[in-house]
């Protein structure tokens, strides 16, 4: 290995390490901050023990950092498992899998998740990141609810159904139903049952599993 290749490899490792430090620092601050002003790039840089310039170099902006934090939460929460919902041939079981997957995701770092969702109401950059991800969840719910659609288009407002499902699968719903110290996954059966009711499913005839 040439000195240049060695140095490039070493620098890449250093960049990845500092990136990890910044993301971890951002998640920690999100979980600890007790005021809107507590989460800033300066505060993140200080917690990560890097310069503000390093944060900008790694992520480009506060939005870029927030996107990276959300992606990291997605990995920690196993969002890649959503593929199981979209490949499950049984519609109600597929919906249950989707709901269970989001329970795991919301549970991954509950304090940071709670803070992010609260900041979305106060900060335009946070709102943009969170709303875009909520839109992806809405699109997924639209796909999974399609098999339950009434053949008569006038019989059921499918758009309204999806909006209700979006609310039911939100962090806020899981957080409220589980209580301050409860396991969010404990809310999965109830939320799945409510979702089935919204879709007009008779759960006595067509039961869903509740995967964990």
N, C-alpha and C. Protein backbone atom coordinates (compact mmCIF):
# COMPACT_ATOMS: atom_id res chain seq x y z
N UNK A 1 0.85 -1.19 0.00
CA UNK A 1 0.00 0.00 0.00
C UNK A 1 0.89 1.25 0.00
N UNK A 2 0.57 2.18 -0.88
CA UNK A 2 1.37 3.40 -0.96
C UNK A 2 1.02 4.32 0.20
N UNK A 3 1.94 5.24 0.57
CA UNK A 3 1.64 6.21 1.64
C UNK A 3 0.38 7.01 1.36
N UNK A 4 0.16 7.33 0.05
CA UNK A 4 -1.01 8.13 -0.29
C UNK A 4 -2.30 7.35 0.00
N UNK A 5 -2.31 6.07 -0.40
CA UNK A 5 -3.50 5.26 -0.13
C UNK A 5 -3.75 5.11 1.36
N UNK A 6 -2.66 4.94 2.11
CA UNK A 6 -2.77 4.80 3.57
C UNK A 6 -3.35 6.08 4.18
N UNK A 7 -2.82 7.22 3.74
CA UNK A 7 -3.29 8.50 4.28
C UNK A 7 -4.74 8.76 3.93
N UNK A 8 -5.13 8.38 2.70
CA UNK A 8 -6.54 8.57 2.30
C UNK A 8 -7.45 7.70 3.15
N UNK A 9 -7.02 6.47 3.38
CA UNK A 9 -7.83 5.57 4.20
C UNK A 9 -7.94 6.07 5.62
N UNK A 10 -6.85 6.59 6.15
CA UNK A 10 -6.85 7.13 7.50
C UNK A 10 -7.76 8.34 7.60
N UNK A 11 -7.71 9.20 6.57
CA UNK A 11 -8.55 10.40 6.58
C UNK A 11 -10.03 10.02 6.47
N UNK A 12 -10.34 9.03 5.64
CA UNK A 12 -11.73 8.58 5.52
C UNK A 12 -12.26 8.08 6.85
N UNK A 13 -11.42 7.33 7.56
CA UNK A 13 -11.82 6.82 8.87
C UNK A 13 -12.05 7.95 9.86
N UNK A 14 -11.20 8.98 9.79
CA UNK A 14 -11.35 10.13 10.68
C UNK A 14 -12.64 10.88 10.38
N UNK A 15 -12.96 11.02 9.09
CA UNK A 15 -14.18 11.71 8.68
C UNK A 15 -15.41 10.95 9.18
N UNK A 16 -15.38 9.62 9.03
CA UNK A 16 -16.50 8.80 9.49
C UNK A 16 -16.65 8.87 11.00
N UNK A 17 -15.51 8.91 11.69
CA UNK A 17 -15.56 9.00 13.14
C UNK A 17 -16.16 10.33 13.60
N UNK A 18 -15.74 11.42 12.97
CA UNK A 18 -16.27 12.73 13.36
C UNK A 18 -17.75 12.83 12.99
N UNK A 19 -18.14 12.21 11.89
CA UNK A 19 -19.55 12.22 11.50
C UNK A 19 -20.38 11.48 12.55
N UNK A 20 -19.85 10.33 13.00
CA UNK A 20 -20.54 9.56 14.03
C UNK A 20 -20.67 10.36 15.33
N UNK A 21 -19.59 11.07 15.68
CA UNK A 21 -19.59 11.88 16.89
C UNK A 21 -20.65 12.96 16.83
N UNK A 22 -20.79 13.60 15.67
CA UNK A 22 -21.75 14.69 15.52
C UNK A 22 -23.18 14.15 15.60
N UNK A 23 -23.45 13.03 14.93
CA UNK A 23 -24.80 12.46 14.97
C UNK A 23 -25.15 12.02 16.39
N UNK A 24 -24.22 11.38 17.06
CA UNK A 24 -24.47 10.95 18.44
C UNK A 24 -24.71 12.16 19.35
N UNK A 25 -23.92 13.23 19.13
CA UNK A 25 -24.09 14.45 19.92
C UNK A 25 -25.45 15.08 19.67
N UNK A 26 -25.87 15.10 18.41
CA UNK A 26 -27.17 15.68 18.07
C UNK A 26 -28.30 14.89 18.72
N UNK A 27 -28.22 13.57 18.68
CA UNK A 27 -29.25 12.74 19.31
C UNK A 27 -29.28 12.96 20.81
N UNK A 28 -28.09 13.07 21.42
CA UNK A 28 -28.03 13.29 22.86
C UNK A 28 -28.66 14.62 23.24
N UNK A 29 -28.34 15.65 22.47
CA UNK A 29 -28.89 16.97 22.76
C UNK A 29 -30.40 17.01 22.56
N UNK A 30 -30.88 16.33 21.55
CA UNK A 30 -32.32 16.29 21.31
C UNK A 30 -33.03 15.64 22.50
N UNK A 31 -32.39 14.64 23.08
CA UNK A 31 -32.99 13.96 24.21
C UNK A 31 -32.90 14.73 25.51
N UNK A 32 -31.93 15.65 25.60
CA UNK A 32 -31.69 16.36 26.86
C UNK A 32 -32.22 17.79 26.87
N UNK A 33 -32.24 18.43 25.71
CA UNK A 33 -32.59 19.87 25.67
C UNK A 33 -33.97 20.11 26.25
N UNK A 34 -34.05 21.09 27.13
CA UNK A 34 -35.34 21.41 27.74
C UNK A 34 -35.91 22.73 27.24
N UNK A 35 -35.28 23.27 26.20
CA UNK A 35 -35.81 24.49 25.60
C UNK A 35 -35.54 24.47 24.10
N UNK A 36 -36.29 25.25 23.37
CA UNK A 36 -36.15 25.32 21.92
C UNK A 36 -34.75 25.73 21.52
N UNK A 37 -34.14 26.63 22.30
CA UNK A 37 -32.84 27.18 21.95
C UNK A 37 -31.68 26.23 22.29
N UNK A 38 -31.98 25.10 22.92
CA UNK A 38 -30.92 24.19 23.32
C UNK A 38 -30.29 23.42 22.18
N UNK A 39 -31.02 23.27 21.07
CA UNK A 39 -30.50 22.49 19.95
C UNK A 39 -30.04 23.43 18.84
N UNK A 40 -28.74 23.68 18.80
CA UNK A 40 -28.15 24.52 17.77
C UNK A 40 -26.91 23.81 17.22
N UNK A 41 -26.44 24.25 16.06
CA UNK A 41 -25.24 23.65 15.50
C UNK A 41 -24.03 23.89 16.40
N UNK A 42 -23.99 25.07 17.03
CA UNK A 42 -22.90 25.35 17.96
C UNK A 42 -22.92 24.38 19.14
N UNK A 43 -24.12 24.11 19.65
CA UNK A 43 -24.25 23.20 20.79
C UNK A 43 -23.87 21.78 20.39
N UNK A 44 -24.27 21.38 19.19
CA UNK A 44 -23.93 20.04 18.69
C UNK A 44 -22.42 19.92 18.52
N UNK A 45 -21.80 20.93 17.92
CA UNK A 45 -20.35 20.91 17.71
C UNK A 45 -19.61 20.82 19.03
N UNK A 46 -20.07 21.58 20.01
CA UNK A 46 -19.43 21.57 21.32
C UNK A 46 -19.56 20.21 21.98
N UNK A 47 -20.76 19.61 21.91
CA UNK A 47 -20.98 18.29 22.51
C UNK A 47 -20.13 17.22 21.79
N UNK A 48 -19.99 17.35 20.48
CA UNK A 48 -19.23 16.37 19.70
C UNK A 48 -17.73 16.60 19.78
N UNK A 49 -17.33 17.73 20.38
CA UNK A 49 -15.93 18.10 20.49
C UNK A 49 -15.28 18.28 19.11
N UNK A 50 -16.02 18.95 18.23
CA UNK A 50 -15.50 19.29 16.90
C UNK A 50 -15.81 20.76 16.65
N UNK A 51 -15.25 21.30 15.60
CA UNK A 51 -15.53 22.69 15.26
C UNK A 51 -16.87 22.81 14.55
N UNK A 52 -17.43 24.00 14.60
CA UNK A 52 -18.67 24.27 13.86
C UNK A 52 -18.44 24.05 12.37
N UNK A 53 -17.24 24.39 11.89
CA UNK A 53 -16.90 24.20 10.48
C UNK A 53 -16.96 22.72 10.09
N UNK A 54 -16.57 21.85 11.02
CA UNK A 54 -16.62 20.41 10.76
C UNK A 54 -18.06 19.95 10.56
N UNK A 55 -18.96 20.48 11.38
CA UNK A 55 -20.37 20.12 11.26
C UNK A 55 -20.90 20.55 9.89
N UNK A 56 -20.55 21.76 9.47
CA UNK A 56 -20.99 22.25 8.16
C UNK A 56 -20.36 21.43 7.04
N UNK A 57 -19.09 21.07 7.20
CA UNK A 57 -18.41 20.28 6.17
C UNK A 57 -19.08 18.91 6.02
N UNK A 58 -19.44 18.31 7.14
CA UNK A 58 -20.03 16.97 7.12
C UNK A 58 -21.47 16.97 6.62
N UNK A 59 -22.24 17.99 7.00
CA UNK A 59 -23.68 17.93 6.77
C UNK A 59 -24.24 19.10 5.94
N UNK A 60 -23.47 20.15 5.75
CA UNK A 60 -23.88 21.24 4.88
C UNK A 60 -24.79 22.27 5.53
N UNK A 61 -25.68 21.83 6.41
CA UNK A 61 -26.64 22.74 7.04
C UNK A 61 -27.31 22.03 8.20
N UNK A 62 -28.13 22.78 8.93
CA UNK A 62 -28.90 22.17 10.01
C UNK A 62 -29.86 21.12 9.45
N UNK A 63 -30.44 21.42 8.29
CA UNK A 63 -31.34 20.46 7.65
C UNK A 63 -30.61 19.17 7.32
N UNK A 64 -29.39 19.31 6.78
CA UNK A 64 -28.61 18.14 6.44
C UNK A 64 -28.30 17.29 7.67
N UNK A 65 -28.00 17.95 8.78
CA UNK A 65 -27.74 17.23 10.02
C UNK A 65 -29.01 16.52 10.50
N UNK A 66 -30.13 17.20 10.43
CA UNK A 66 -31.40 16.59 10.86
C UNK A 66 -31.76 15.39 10.01
N UNK A 67 -31.51 15.49 8.69
CA UNK A 67 -31.75 14.35 7.81
C UNK A 67 -30.89 13.16 8.22
N UNK A 68 -29.62 13.45 8.54
CA UNK A 68 -28.70 12.38 8.94
C UNK A 68 -29.15 11.75 10.26
N UNK A 69 -29.62 12.58 11.19
CA UNK A 69 -30.11 12.07 12.47
C UNK A 69 -31.32 11.17 12.25
N UNK A 70 -32.24 11.62 11.41
CA UNK A 70 -33.43 10.81 11.12
C UNK A 70 -33.07 9.50 10.43
N UNK A 71 -32.10 9.55 9.52
CA UNK A 71 -31.65 8.33 8.85
C UNK A 71 -31.04 7.37 9.87
N UNK A 72 -30.27 7.93 10.80
CA UNK A 72 -29.63 7.12 11.84
C UNK A 72 -30.69 6.48 12.73
N UNK A 73 -31.72 7.23 13.08
CA UNK A 73 -32.82 6.69 13.87
C UNK A 73 -33.54 5.59 13.10
N UNK A 74 -33.65 5.77 11.79
CA UNK A 74 -34.28 4.75 10.96
C UNK A 74 -33.52 3.44 10.97
N UNK A 75 -32.20 3.54 10.92
CA UNK A 75 -31.37 2.33 11.00
C UNK A 75 -31.51 1.68 12.37
N UNK A 76 -31.41 2.49 13.42
CA UNK A 76 -31.52 1.96 14.78
C UNK A 76 -32.89 1.35 15.04
N UNK A 77 -33.93 1.93 14.43
CA UNK A 77 -35.29 1.45 14.63
C UNK A 77 -35.74 0.39 13.65
N UNK A 78 -34.84 -0.04 12.77
CA UNK A 78 -35.17 -1.14 11.86
C UNK A 78 -36.20 -0.82 10.80
N UNK A 79 -36.19 0.41 10.29
CA UNK A 79 -37.17 0.76 9.25
C UNK A 79 -36.98 -0.05 7.97
N UNK A 80 -35.81 -0.65 7.81
CA UNK A 80 -35.59 -1.49 6.62
C UNK A 80 -36.54 -2.68 6.62
N UNK A 81 -37.09 -3.01 7.80
CA UNK A 81 -38.02 -4.13 7.90
C UNK A 81 -39.38 -3.82 7.29
N UNK A 82 -39.59 -2.56 6.88
CA UNK A 82 -40.87 -2.21 6.24
C UNK A 82 -41.13 -3.03 4.99
N UNK A 83 -40.08 -3.53 4.38
CA UNK A 83 -40.24 -4.33 3.17
C UNK A 83 -41.14 -5.53 3.44
N UNK A 84 -41.12 -6.04 4.67
CA UNK A 84 -41.96 -7.19 5.01
C UNK A 84 -43.44 -6.85 4.90
N UNK A 85 -43.77 -5.60 5.24
CA UNK A 85 -45.18 -5.19 5.15
C UNK A 85 -45.63 -5.14 3.70
N UNK A 86 -44.77 -4.63 2.84
CA UNK A 86 -45.17 -4.44 1.45
C UNK A 86 -45.04 -5.71 0.61
N UNK A 87 -44.49 -6.77 1.20
CA UNK A 87 -44.40 -8.04 0.47
C UNK A 87 -45.30 -9.10 1.10
N UNK A 88 -46.01 -8.73 2.14
CA UNK A 88 -46.93 -9.66 2.79
C UNK A 88 -48.22 -9.74 1.97
N UNK A 89 -48.61 -10.92 1.51
CA UNK A 89 -49.79 -11.02 0.64
C UNK A 89 -51.13 -10.86 1.37
N UNK A 90 -51.10 -10.93 2.71
CA UNK A 90 -52.33 -10.80 3.49
C UNK A 90 -52.49 -9.35 3.94
N UNK A 91 -53.47 -8.63 3.41
CA UNK A 91 -53.57 -7.18 3.65
C UNK A 91 -53.56 -6.74 5.11
N UNK A 92 -54.34 -7.43 5.97
CA UNK A 92 -54.41 -6.99 7.36
C UNK A 92 -53.10 -7.31 8.10
N UNK A 93 -52.50 -8.44 7.80
CA UNK A 93 -51.21 -8.79 8.40
C UNK A 93 -50.14 -7.81 7.92
N UNK A 94 -50.24 -7.38 6.67
CA UNK A 94 -49.28 -6.41 6.14
C UNK A 94 -49.39 -5.09 6.89
N UNK A 95 -50.63 -4.67 7.14
CA UNK A 95 -50.84 -3.42 7.88
C UNK A 95 -50.32 -3.56 9.31
N UNK A 96 -50.55 -4.72 9.93
CA UNK A 96 -50.05 -4.96 11.29
C UNK A 96 -48.52 -4.91 11.31
N UNK A 97 -47.89 -5.46 10.29
CA UNK A 97 -46.42 -5.43 10.20
C UNK A 97 -45.92 -3.99 10.08
N UNK A 98 -46.61 -3.19 9.29
CA UNK A 98 -46.25 -1.78 9.12
C UNK A 98 -46.34 -1.05 10.46
N UNK A 99 -47.42 -1.28 11.19
CA UNK A 99 -47.62 -0.62 12.47
C UNK A 99 -46.56 -1.07 13.48
N UNK A 100 -46.25 -2.36 13.49
CA UNK A 100 -45.23 -2.88 14.39
C UNK A 100 -43.86 -2.30 14.08
N UNK A 101 -43.59 -2.13 12.80
CA UNK A 101 -42.31 -1.57 12.38
C UNK A 101 -42.16 -0.14 12.89
N UNK A 102 -43.22 0.63 12.81
CA UNK A 102 -43.14 2.00 13.31
C UNK A 102 -43.09 2.06 14.83
N UNK A 103 -43.65 1.07 15.51
CA UNK A 103 -43.49 1.01 16.96
C UNK A 103 -42.02 0.85 17.32
N UNK A 104 -41.32 -0.03 16.59
CA UNK A 104 -39.89 -0.22 16.83
C UNK A 104 -39.11 1.04 16.51
N UNK A 105 -39.49 1.71 15.43
CA UNK A 105 -38.81 2.93 15.02
C UNK A 105 -38.99 4.04 16.04
N UNK A 106 -40.23 4.29 16.44
CA UNK A 106 -40.49 5.35 17.42
C UNK A 106 -39.81 5.05 18.75
N UNK A 107 -39.66 3.76 19.07
CA UNK A 107 -39.07 3.36 20.34
C UNK A 107 -37.55 3.49 20.34
N UNK A 108 -36.92 3.55 19.16
CA UNK A 108 -35.46 3.50 19.04
C UNK A 108 -34.75 4.53 19.92
N UNK A 109 -35.27 5.74 19.95
CA UNK A 109 -34.71 6.80 20.80
C UNK A 109 -35.87 7.73 21.12
N UNK A 110 -36.67 7.31 22.07
CA UNK A 110 -37.92 8.02 22.35
C UNK A 110 -37.71 9.47 22.76
N UNK A 111 -36.73 9.78 23.63
CA UNK A 111 -36.53 11.19 24.00
C UNK A 111 -36.18 12.07 22.80
N UNK A 112 -35.28 11.57 21.94
CA UNK A 112 -34.89 12.35 20.76
C UNK A 112 -36.06 12.48 19.80
N UNK A 113 -36.83 11.41 19.66
CA UNK A 113 -37.98 11.44 18.76
C UNK A 113 -39.03 12.44 19.26
N UNK A 114 -39.26 12.44 20.55
CA UNK A 114 -40.25 13.36 21.13
C UNK A 114 -39.82 14.81 20.89
N UNK A 115 -38.53 15.05 21.06
CA UNK A 115 -38.00 16.40 20.88
C UNK A 115 -38.09 16.85 19.43
N UNK A 116 -37.73 15.96 18.53
CA UNK A 116 -37.79 16.29 17.10
C UNK A 116 -39.21 16.66 16.69
N UNK A 117 -40.17 15.87 17.15
CA UNK A 117 -41.56 16.13 16.77
C UNK A 117 -42.05 17.45 17.36
N UNK A 118 -41.61 17.76 18.57
CA UNK A 118 -42.01 19.03 19.18
C UNK A 118 -41.37 20.21 18.47
N UNK A 119 -40.09 20.06 18.11
CA UNK A 119 -39.40 21.15 17.42
C UNK A 119 -39.99 21.43 16.05
N UNK A 120 -40.60 20.42 15.45
CA UNK A 120 -41.19 20.60 14.11
C UNK A 120 -42.27 21.67 14.12
N UNK A 121 -42.87 21.88 15.27
CA UNK A 121 -43.92 22.91 15.37
C UNK A 121 -43.33 24.31 15.54
N UNK A 122 -42.03 24.38 15.83
CA UNK A 122 -41.40 25.66 16.13
C UNK A 122 -40.34 26.09 15.13
N UNK A 123 -39.76 25.14 14.44
CA UNK A 123 -38.62 25.41 13.58
C UNK A 123 -38.94 24.95 12.16
N UNK A 124 -38.84 25.87 11.20
CA UNK A 124 -39.20 25.56 9.82
C UNK A 124 -38.33 24.45 9.23
N UNK A 125 -37.04 24.44 9.57
CA UNK A 125 -36.15 23.42 9.03
C UNK A 125 -36.50 22.03 9.58
N UNK A 126 -36.78 21.97 10.86
CA UNK A 126 -37.17 20.69 11.45
C UNK A 126 -38.51 20.25 10.87
N UNK A 127 -39.42 21.19 10.73
CA UNK A 127 -40.75 20.88 10.17
C UNK A 127 -40.62 20.29 8.76
N UNK A 128 -39.74 20.85 7.95
CA UNK A 128 -39.58 20.36 6.58
C UNK A 128 -39.09 18.92 6.56
N UNK A 129 -38.14 18.61 7.44
CA UNK A 129 -37.59 17.25 7.50
C UNK A 129 -38.65 16.27 7.99
N UNK A 130 -39.32 16.61 9.07
CA UNK A 130 -40.31 15.70 9.66
C UNK A 130 -41.53 15.52 8.76
N UNK A 131 -42.01 16.61 8.18
CA UNK A 131 -43.20 16.51 7.33
C UNK A 131 -42.93 15.67 6.08
N UNK A 132 -41.71 15.76 5.54
CA UNK A 132 -41.36 14.95 4.37
C UNK A 132 -41.39 13.47 4.72
N UNK A 133 -40.93 13.14 5.91
CA UNK A 133 -40.93 11.73 6.33
C UNK A 133 -42.33 11.26 6.70
N UNK A 134 -43.13 12.14 7.25
CA UNK A 134 -44.53 11.79 7.50
C UNK A 134 -45.27 11.55 6.19
N UNK A 135 -44.90 12.28 5.16
CA UNK A 135 -45.53 12.10 3.86
C UNK A 135 -45.20 10.71 3.29
N UNK A 136 -43.98 10.26 3.51
CA UNK A 136 -43.61 8.90 3.05
C UNK A 136 -44.44 7.85 3.79
N UNK A 137 -44.67 8.09 5.08
CA UNK A 137 -45.51 7.16 5.85
C UNK A 137 -46.94 7.18 5.33
N UNK A 138 -47.42 8.36 4.99
CA UNK A 138 -48.77 8.46 4.43
C UNK A 138 -48.88 7.69 3.12
N UNK A 139 -47.86 7.83 2.26
CA UNK A 139 -47.86 7.12 0.98
C UNK A 139 -47.86 5.61 1.19
N UNK A 140 -47.09 5.15 2.19
CA UNK A 140 -47.08 3.72 2.49
C UNK A 140 -48.44 3.23 2.97
N UNK A 141 -49.08 4.03 3.81
CA UNK A 141 -50.41 3.67 4.30
C UNK A 141 -51.44 3.65 3.18
N UNK A 142 -51.30 4.54 2.22
CA UNK A 142 -52.22 4.56 1.09
C UNK A 142 -52.11 3.27 0.29
N UNK A 143 -50.89 2.79 0.12
CA UNK A 143 -50.68 1.52 -0.60
C UNK A 143 -51.28 0.36 0.18
N UNK A 144 -51.03 0.30 1.47
CA UNK A 144 -51.49 -0.83 2.28
C UNK A 144 -52.99 -0.82 2.51
N UNK A 145 -53.62 0.35 2.45
CA UNK A 145 -55.06 0.42 2.66
C UNK A 145 -55.85 0.19 1.37
N UNK A 146 -55.17 0.24 0.23
CA UNK A 146 -55.85 0.09 -1.06
C UNK A 146 -56.67 -1.20 -1.17
N UNK A 147 -56.18 -2.35 -0.68
CA UNK A 147 -56.97 -3.58 -0.81
C UNK A 147 -58.29 -3.55 -0.05
N UNK A 148 -58.43 -2.63 0.89
CA UNK A 148 -59.65 -2.55 1.68
C UNK A 148 -60.67 -1.57 1.08
N UNK A 149 -60.30 -0.91 0.00
CA UNK A 149 -61.17 0.11 -0.58
C UNK A 149 -62.50 -0.49 -1.04
N UNK A 150 -63.57 0.22 -0.77
CA UNK A 150 -64.90 -0.20 -1.21
C UNK A 150 -65.02 -0.02 -2.72
N UNK A 151 -65.54 -1.02 -3.43
CA UNK A 151 -65.70 -0.89 -4.89
C UNK A 151 -66.55 0.32 -5.29
N UNK A 152 -67.45 0.71 -4.40
CA UNK A 152 -68.29 1.88 -4.65
C UNK A 152 -67.54 3.12 -4.15
N UNK A 153 -67.02 3.95 -5.05
CA UNK A 153 -66.23 5.11 -4.62
C UNK A 153 -66.97 6.09 -3.73
N UNK A 154 -68.29 6.05 -3.78
CA UNK A 154 -69.07 6.98 -2.95
C UNK A 154 -69.32 6.43 -1.55
N UNK A 155 -68.95 5.18 -1.33
CA UNK A 155 -69.26 4.54 -0.05
C UNK A 155 -68.29 4.92 1.05
N UNK A 156 -67.04 5.24 0.69
CA UNK A 156 -66.02 5.48 1.70
C UNK A 156 -65.03 6.53 1.23
N UNK A 157 -64.66 7.42 2.10
CA UNK A 157 -63.67 8.46 1.79
C UNK A 157 -62.28 7.88 2.08
N UNK A 158 -61.62 7.35 1.05
CA UNK A 158 -60.33 6.69 1.26
C UNK A 158 -59.24 7.66 1.71
N UNK A 159 -59.29 8.89 1.20
CA UNK A 159 -58.30 9.88 1.61
C UNK A 159 -58.42 10.17 3.11
N UNK A 160 -59.65 10.25 3.58
CA UNK A 160 -59.88 10.47 5.01
C UNK A 160 -59.39 9.28 5.83
N UNK A 161 -59.62 8.08 5.32
CA UNK A 161 -59.13 6.88 6.01
C UNK A 161 -57.61 6.94 6.19
N UNK A 162 -56.93 7.31 5.12
CA UNK A 162 -55.47 7.36 5.18
C UNK A 162 -55.01 8.43 6.17
N UNK A 163 -55.70 9.55 6.21
CA UNK A 163 -55.35 10.60 7.17
C UNK A 163 -55.50 10.10 8.60
N UNK A 164 -56.56 9.33 8.85
CA UNK A 164 -56.77 8.78 10.20
C UNK A 164 -55.67 7.76 10.52
N UNK A 165 -55.34 6.92 9.54
CA UNK A 165 -54.28 5.94 9.75
C UNK A 165 -52.94 6.63 10.01
N UNK A 166 -52.72 7.75 9.34
CA UNK A 166 -51.49 8.52 9.56
C UNK A 166 -51.43 9.00 11.01
N UNK A 167 -52.56 9.48 11.52
CA UNK A 167 -52.61 9.93 12.91
C UNK A 167 -52.42 8.75 13.87
N UNK A 168 -53.04 7.62 13.55
CA UNK A 168 -52.94 6.46 14.43
C UNK A 168 -51.52 5.92 14.52
N UNK A 169 -50.75 6.03 13.44
CA UNK A 169 -49.39 5.47 13.43
C UNK A 169 -48.33 6.50 13.75
N UNK A 170 -48.74 7.67 14.19
CA UNK A 170 -47.79 8.73 14.52
C UNK A 170 -47.09 8.44 15.84
N UNK A 171 -45.95 9.07 16.03
CA UNK A 171 -45.23 8.95 17.31
C UNK A 171 -46.12 9.42 18.45
N UNK A 172 -46.84 10.52 18.22
CA UNK A 172 -47.66 11.10 19.27
C UNK A 172 -48.70 10.10 19.79
N UNK A 173 -49.32 9.34 18.88
CA UNK A 173 -50.32 8.36 19.30
C UNK A 173 -49.69 7.24 20.10
N UNK A 174 -48.59 6.69 19.59
CA UNK A 174 -47.89 5.63 20.32
C UNK A 174 -47.43 6.13 21.68
N UNK A 175 -46.86 7.32 21.71
CA UNK A 175 -46.32 7.89 22.94
C UNK A 175 -47.41 8.08 23.99
N UNK A 176 -48.57 8.53 23.55
CA UNK A 176 -49.69 8.75 24.46
C UNK A 176 -50.27 7.43 24.96
N UNK A 177 -50.46 6.49 24.05
CA UNK A 177 -51.09 5.22 24.41
C UNK A 177 -50.20 4.37 25.32
N UNK A 178 -48.88 4.45 25.12
CA UNK A 178 -47.96 3.65 25.93
C UNK A 178 -47.72 4.26 27.31
N UNK A 179 -47.94 5.58 27.43
CA UNK A 179 -47.66 6.25 28.69
C UNK A 179 -46.19 6.62 28.79
N UNK A 180 -45.83 7.44 29.76
CA UNK A 180 -44.47 7.98 29.86
C UNK A 180 -43.38 6.91 29.88
N UNK A 181 -43.61 5.80 30.58
CA UNK A 181 -42.56 4.79 30.75
C UNK A 181 -42.89 3.45 30.10
N UNK A 182 -43.98 3.40 29.34
CA UNK A 182 -44.39 2.13 28.75
C UNK A 182 -43.63 1.79 27.48
N UNK A 183 -43.73 0.54 27.09
CA UNK A 183 -43.14 0.06 25.84
C UNK A 183 -44.10 0.42 24.71
N UNK A 184 -43.62 1.16 23.72
CA UNK A 184 -44.50 1.57 22.63
C UNK A 184 -45.08 0.37 21.90
N UNK A 185 -44.36 -0.74 21.92
CA UNK A 185 -44.86 -1.91 21.20
C UNK A 185 -46.13 -2.47 21.83
N UNK A 186 -46.35 -2.17 23.10
CA UNK A 186 -47.56 -2.65 23.76
C UNK A 186 -48.82 -2.02 23.15
N UNK A 187 -48.65 -0.91 22.44
CA UNK A 187 -49.80 -0.23 21.83
C UNK A 187 -50.14 -0.80 20.46
N UNK A 188 -49.29 -1.68 19.92
CA UNK A 188 -49.50 -2.18 18.56
C UNK A 188 -50.85 -2.88 18.39
N UNK A 189 -51.24 -3.82 19.26
CA UNK A 189 -52.54 -4.48 19.05
C UNK A 189 -53.72 -3.52 19.01
N UNK A 190 -53.72 -2.55 19.93
CA UNK A 190 -54.84 -1.60 19.97
C UNK A 190 -54.86 -0.73 18.73
N UNK A 191 -53.69 -0.25 18.32
CA UNK A 191 -53.63 0.60 17.13
C UNK A 191 -53.98 -0.18 15.88
N UNK A 192 -53.56 -1.44 15.81
CA UNK A 192 -53.92 -2.28 14.67
C UNK A 192 -55.43 -2.50 14.63
N UNK A 193 -56.02 -2.72 15.80
CA UNK A 193 -57.47 -2.89 15.85
C UNK A 193 -58.22 -1.65 15.42
N UNK A 194 -57.74 -0.49 15.87
CA UNK A 194 -58.37 0.77 15.47
C UNK A 194 -58.22 0.98 13.96
N UNK A 195 -57.05 0.65 13.44
CA UNK A 195 -56.82 0.80 12.00
C UNK A 195 -57.77 -0.09 11.20
N UNK A 196 -57.97 -1.31 11.69
CA UNK A 196 -58.88 -2.24 11.02
C UNK A 196 -60.31 -1.69 11.03
N UNK A 197 -60.69 -1.09 12.15
CA UNK A 197 -62.03 -0.50 12.24
C UNK A 197 -62.19 0.64 11.24
N UNK A 198 -61.17 1.48 11.14
CA UNK A 198 -61.20 2.60 10.19
C UNK A 198 -61.40 2.09 8.77
N UNK A 199 -60.79 0.95 8.47
CA UNK A 199 -60.86 0.38 7.12
C UNK A 199 -62.10 -0.49 6.91
N UNK A 200 -62.93 -0.61 7.95
CA UNK A 200 -64.16 -1.38 7.83
C UNK A 200 -63.94 -2.87 7.83
N UNK A 201 -62.87 -3.32 8.50
CA UNK A 201 -62.54 -4.74 8.53
C UNK A 201 -63.18 -5.39 9.74
N UNK A 202 -63.79 -6.55 9.54
CA UNK A 202 -64.33 -7.34 10.64
C UNK A 202 -63.21 -8.21 11.17
N UNK A 203 -62.60 -7.79 12.27
CA UNK A 203 -61.44 -8.51 12.79
C UNK A 203 -61.78 -9.88 13.36
N UNK A 204 -63.06 -10.12 13.64
CA UNK A 204 -63.45 -11.46 14.11
C UNK A 204 -63.34 -12.48 12.99
N UNK A 205 -63.54 -12.01 11.75
CA UNK A 205 -63.47 -12.90 10.61
C UNK A 205 -62.08 -12.90 9.97
N UNK A 206 -61.41 -11.78 10.09
CA UNK A 206 -60.12 -11.61 9.39
C UNK A 206 -59.11 -11.07 10.39
N UNK A 207 -58.47 -11.95 11.16
CA UNK A 207 -57.56 -11.51 12.22
C UNK A 207 -56.17 -11.27 11.68
N UNK A 208 -55.44 -10.30 12.32
CA UNK A 208 -54.08 -9.99 11.94
C UNK A 208 -53.12 -10.46 13.02
N UNK A 209 -51.93 -10.77 12.62
CA UNK A 209 -50.89 -11.07 13.59
C UNK A 209 -50.28 -9.78 14.06
N UNK A 210 -49.61 -9.82 15.20
CA UNK A 210 -48.95 -8.63 15.74
C UNK A 210 -47.47 -8.95 15.91
N UNK A 211 -46.68 -8.85 14.83
CA UNK A 211 -45.29 -9.25 14.87
C UNK A 211 -44.46 -8.36 15.77
N UNK A 212 -43.39 -8.93 16.28
CA UNK A 212 -42.49 -8.13 17.12
C UNK A 212 -41.08 -8.24 16.59
